[in-house]
C-alpha atoms as a PDB file:
ATOM      1  CA  MET A   1      36.089   0.770  76.611  1.00  0.00           C
ATOM      2  CA  GLY A   2      34.459  -1.764  74.160  1.00  0.00           C
ATOM      3  CA  ARG A   3      32.061  -1.000  71.412  1.00  0.00           C
ATOM      4  CA  LEU A   4      29.839  -2.607  68.651  1.00  0.00           C
ATOM      5  CA  THR A   5      29.760  -0.862  65.327  1.00  0.00           C
ATOM      6  CA  THR A   6      28.740  -1.887  61.966  1.00  0.00           C
ATOM      7  CA  HIS A   7      28.260  -0.714  58.285  1.00  0.00           C
ATOM      8  CA  VAL A   8      26.806  -1.910  55.165  1.00  0.00           C
ATOM      9  CA  LEU A   9      28.072  -1.915  51.770  1.00  0.00           C
ATOM     10  CA  ASP A  10      25.830  -2.492  48.548  1.00  0.00           C
ATOM     11  CA  ILE A  11      28.437  -4.406  46.667  1.00  0.00           C
ATOM     12  CA  ALA A  12      26.140  -4.676  43.708  1.00  0.00           C
ATOM     13  CA  ALA A  13      26.074  -0.933  43.262  1.00  0.00           C
ATOM     14  CA  GLY A  14      29.635  -0.302  44.812  1.00  0.00           C
ATOM     15  CA  ARG A  15      28.343   2.143  47.371  1.00  0.00           C
ATOM     16  CA  PRO A  16      27.102   2.269  51.026  1.00  0.00           C
ATOM     17  CA  ALA A  17      23.685   1.115  51.833  1.00  0.00           C
ATOM     18  CA  PRO A  18      22.009   4.213  53.454  1.00  0.00           C
ATOM     19  CA  GLY A  19      18.588   3.589  54.934  1.00  0.00           C
ATOM     20  CA  MET A  20      18.959  -0.231  55.865  1.00  0.00           C
ATOM     21  CA  ARG A  21      17.198  -1.283  58.870  1.00  0.00           C
ATOM     22  CA  ILE A  22      18.999  -3.194  61.436  1.00  0.00           C
ATOM     23  CA  ARG A  23      17.876  -4.982  64.765  1.00  0.00           C
ATOM     24  CA  LEU A  24      20.301  -5.979  67.487  1.00  0.00           C
ATOM     25  CA  THR A  25      19.366  -8.934  69.819  1.00  0.00           C
ATOM     26  CA  ALA A  26      21.070 -10.497  72.769  1.00  0.00           C
ATOM     27  CA  LEU A  27      20.764 -14.325  72.009  1.00  0.00           C
ATOM     28  CA  ASP A  28      21.451 -15.335  75.473  1.00  0.00           C
ATOM     29  CA  SER A  29      18.326 -13.727  76.638  1.00  0.00           C
ATOM     30  CA  GLY A  30      16.357 -13.047  73.543  1.00  0.00           C
ATOM     31  CA  THR A  31      16.087  -9.371  74.331  1.00  0.00           C
ATOM     32  CA  VAL A  32      16.061  -6.849  71.455  1.00  0.00           C
ATOM     33  CA  LEU A  33      18.759  -4.386  72.541  1.00  0.00           C
ATOM     34  CA  GLY A  34      18.011  -1.825  69.651  1.00  0.00           C
ATOM     35  CA  GLU A  35      16.707  -1.063  66.176  1.00  0.00           C
ATOM     36  CA  PHE A  36      18.732   1.163  63.768  1.00  0.00           C
ATOM     37  CA  THR A  37      19.060   2.603  60.211  1.00  0.00           C
ATOM     38  CA  THR A  38      22.148   3.241  58.281  1.00  0.00           C
ATOM     39  CA  ASN A  39      23.106   6.789  57.436  1.00  0.00           C
ATOM     40  CA  ALA A  40      24.116   8.067  54.105  1.00  0.00           C
ATOM     41  CA  ASP A  41      27.625   6.418  54.586  1.00  0.00           C
ATOM     42  CA  GLY A  42      26.141   2.896  55.433  1.00  0.00           C
ATOM     43  CA  ARG A  43      26.995   3.281  59.063  1.00  0.00           C
ATOM     44  CA  LEU A  44      25.192   3.927  62.295  1.00  0.00           C
ATOM     45  CA  ASP A  45      25.223   7.480  63.810  1.00  0.00           C
ATOM     46  CA  ALA A  46      26.592   5.823  67.084  1.00  0.00           C
ATOM     47  CA  PRO A  47      27.887   2.465  68.349  1.00  0.00           C
ATOM     48  CA  ALA A  48      25.118  -0.207  68.600  1.00  0.00           C
ATOM     49  CA  LEU A  49      26.285  -1.200  71.979  1.00  0.00           C
ATOM     50  CA  GLN A  50      28.877   0.352  74.272  1.00  0.00           C
ATOM     51  CA  GLY A  51      29.377   1.171  77.955  1.00  0.00           C
ATOM     52  CA  GLU A  52      27.911  -1.011  80.563  1.00  0.00           C
ATOM     53  CA  ASP A  53      25.526  -2.678  78.172  1.00  0.00           C
ATOM     54  CA  PHE A  54      28.635  -3.893  75.987  1.00  0.00           C
ATOM     55  CA  ARG A  55      29.280  -7.276  77.696  1.00  0.00           C
ATOM     56  CA  PRO A  56      30.278 -10.755  76.627  1.00  0.00           C
ATOM     57  CA  GLY A  57      27.616 -13.033  75.239  1.00  0.00           C
ATOM     58  CA  ARG A  58      26.195 -14.102  71.813  1.00  0.00           C
ATOM     59  CA  TYR A  59      24.526 -11.486  69.567  1.00  0.00           C
ATOM     60  CA  GLU A  60      22.534 -11.208  66.383  1.00  0.00           C
ATOM     61  CA  LEU A  61      22.526  -8.267  63.950  1.00  0.00           C
ATOM     62  CA  LEU A  62      19.581  -8.658  61.741  1.00  0.00           C
ATOM     63  CA  PHE A  63      19.790  -6.727  58.496  1.00  0.00           C
ATOM     64  CA  MET A  64      16.662  -6.026  56.511  1.00  0.00           C
ATOM     65  CA  ALA A  65      18.509  -6.234  53.063  1.00  0.00           C
ATOM     66  CA  GLY A  66      15.275  -7.178  51.105  1.00  0.00           C
ATOM     67  CA  ASP A  67      13.410  -4.113  52.211  1.00  0.00           C
ATOM     68  CA  TYR A  68      16.477  -1.938  51.242  1.00  0.00           C
ATOM     69  CA  PHE A  69      16.555  -3.626  47.848  1.00  0.00           C
ATOM     70  CA  ARG A  70      12.840  -3.203  47.152  1.00  0.00           C
ATOM     71  CA  ARG A  71      13.096   0.365  48.401  1.00  0.00           C
ATOM     72  CA  ILE A  72      16.040   1.216  45.800  1.00  0.00           C
ATOM     73  CA  GLY A  73      14.093  -0.719  42.947  1.00  0.00           C
ATOM     74  CA  VAL A  74      16.756  -3.528  42.591  1.00  0.00           C
ATOM     75  CA  ILE A  75      14.242  -6.214  43.398  1.00  0.00           C
ATOM     76  CA  SER A  76      10.689  -6.124  42.756  1.00  0.00           C
ATOM     77  CA  GLY A  77       9.284  -7.942  45.601  1.00  0.00           C
ATOM     78  CA  ASP A  78       6.646  -9.781  43.429  1.00  0.00           C
ATOM     79  CA  GLY A  79       7.889 -13.349  44.923  1.00  0.00           C
ATOM     80  CA  PRO A  80      10.139 -14.604  47.384  1.00  0.00           C
ATOM     81  CA  ASP A  81      13.476 -12.666  47.204  1.00  0.00           C
ATOM     82  CA  PHE A  82      16.760 -14.557  47.351  1.00  0.00           C
ATOM     83  CA  ILE A  83      18.358 -12.347  49.928  1.00  0.00           C
ATOM     84  CA  ASP A  84      15.803 -10.944  52.460  1.00  0.00           C
ATOM     85  CA  GLU A  85      16.784 -10.803  56.023  1.00  0.00           C
ATOM     86  CA  VAL A  86      20.423 -11.427  56.897  1.00  0.00           C
ATOM     87  CA  PRO A  87      21.179 -12.647  60.320  1.00  0.00           C
ATOM     88  CA  LEU A  88      24.900 -12.241  61.407  1.00  0.00           C
ATOM     89  CA  ARG A  89      25.357 -14.169  64.690  1.00  0.00           C
ATOM     90  CA  PHE A  90      28.689 -13.594  66.560  1.00  0.00           C
ATOM     91  CA  GLY A  91      30.051 -13.695  69.968  1.00  0.00           C
ATOM     92  CA  ILE A  92      31.780 -10.889  72.138  1.00  0.00           C
ATOM     93  CA  GLN A  93      34.402 -12.438  74.396  1.00  0.00           C
ATOM     94  CA  ASP A  94      36.421  -9.304  75.570  1.00  0.00           C
ATOM     95  CA  ALA A  95      34.251  -6.275  76.488  1.00  0.00           C
ATOM     96  CA  ALA A  96      37.300  -4.020  76.387  1.00  0.00           C
ATOM     97  CA  GLN A  97      37.628  -4.416  72.758  1.00  0.00           C
ATOM     98  CA  HIS A  98      35.898  -2.962  69.465  1.00  0.00           C
ATOM     99  CA  TYR A  99      33.876  -5.434  67.614  1.00  0.00           C
ATOM    100  CA  HIS A 100      33.169  -4.067  64.082  1.00  0.00           C
ATOM    101  CA  VAL A 101      30.807  -6.481  62.186  1.00  0.00           C
ATOM    102  CA  PRO A 102      30.164  -5.152  58.531  1.00  0.00           C
ATOM    103  CA  LEU A 103      27.793  -6.654  56.008  1.00  0.00           C
ATOM    104  CA  LEU A 104      28.717  -6.818  52.237  1.00  0.00           C
ATOM    105  CA  VAL A 105      25.472  -7.426  50.387  1.00  0.00           C
ATOM    106  CA  SER A 106      23.935  -7.743  46.963  1.00  0.00           C
ATOM    107  CA  PRO A 107      20.359  -9.236  46.132  1.00  0.00           C
ATOM    108  CA  TRP A 108      22.398 -12.533  45.511  1.00  0.00           C
ATOM    109  CA  ALA A 109      25.156 -12.958  48.091  1.00  0.00           C
ATOM    110  CA  TYR A 110      26.458 -11.450  51.391  1.00  0.00           C
ATOM    111  CA  SER A 111      29.628 -11.629  53.442  1.00  0.00           C
ATOM    112  CA  THR A 112      30.884 -10.425  56.695  1.00  0.00           C
ATOM    113  CA  TYR A 113      34.158 -10.270  58.442  1.00  0.00           C
ATOM    114  CA  ARG A 114      35.504  -8.987  61.888  1.00  0.00           C
ATOM    115  CA  GLY A 115      36.778  -5.426  61.063  1.00  0.00           C
ATOM    116  CA  SER A 116      38.516  -3.012  63.109  1.00  0.00           C
END
C-alpha cells in the first residue's frame, strides 16, 4: 500500500530540522489534508498520507522554513527573509508506491528529490 513521507534536513547546520511545521494540501480540490511538525530526526512520526486517503493527484507540501530559522536564531525576522515558506508541488501517479519528498534547506537555498 502506498504512502507519502517527508523529512527535512537543515543543510546550513548539517543536521535534521526538528520542529518545522508542514502543511499538506490536495491541489486538485484545495483541501488541506493535514498539518504536521517534524520530530527530533526531522521526520514526521507517521506518513502524511496513506491508506484510502492516498490517491493519484497533485499535492503541495508547504514547509514553514522561515519560522524554523527564526526560532533557532539563524535569521532575525527584522525584514523579509530570503527563504520563508517553501512550497513543493508534486504529483502522485501510482497509489501503490511510496512517495518520499524530502526538503534540504538553508536560509538561502533549498532542493528536493523523490527519495525512497
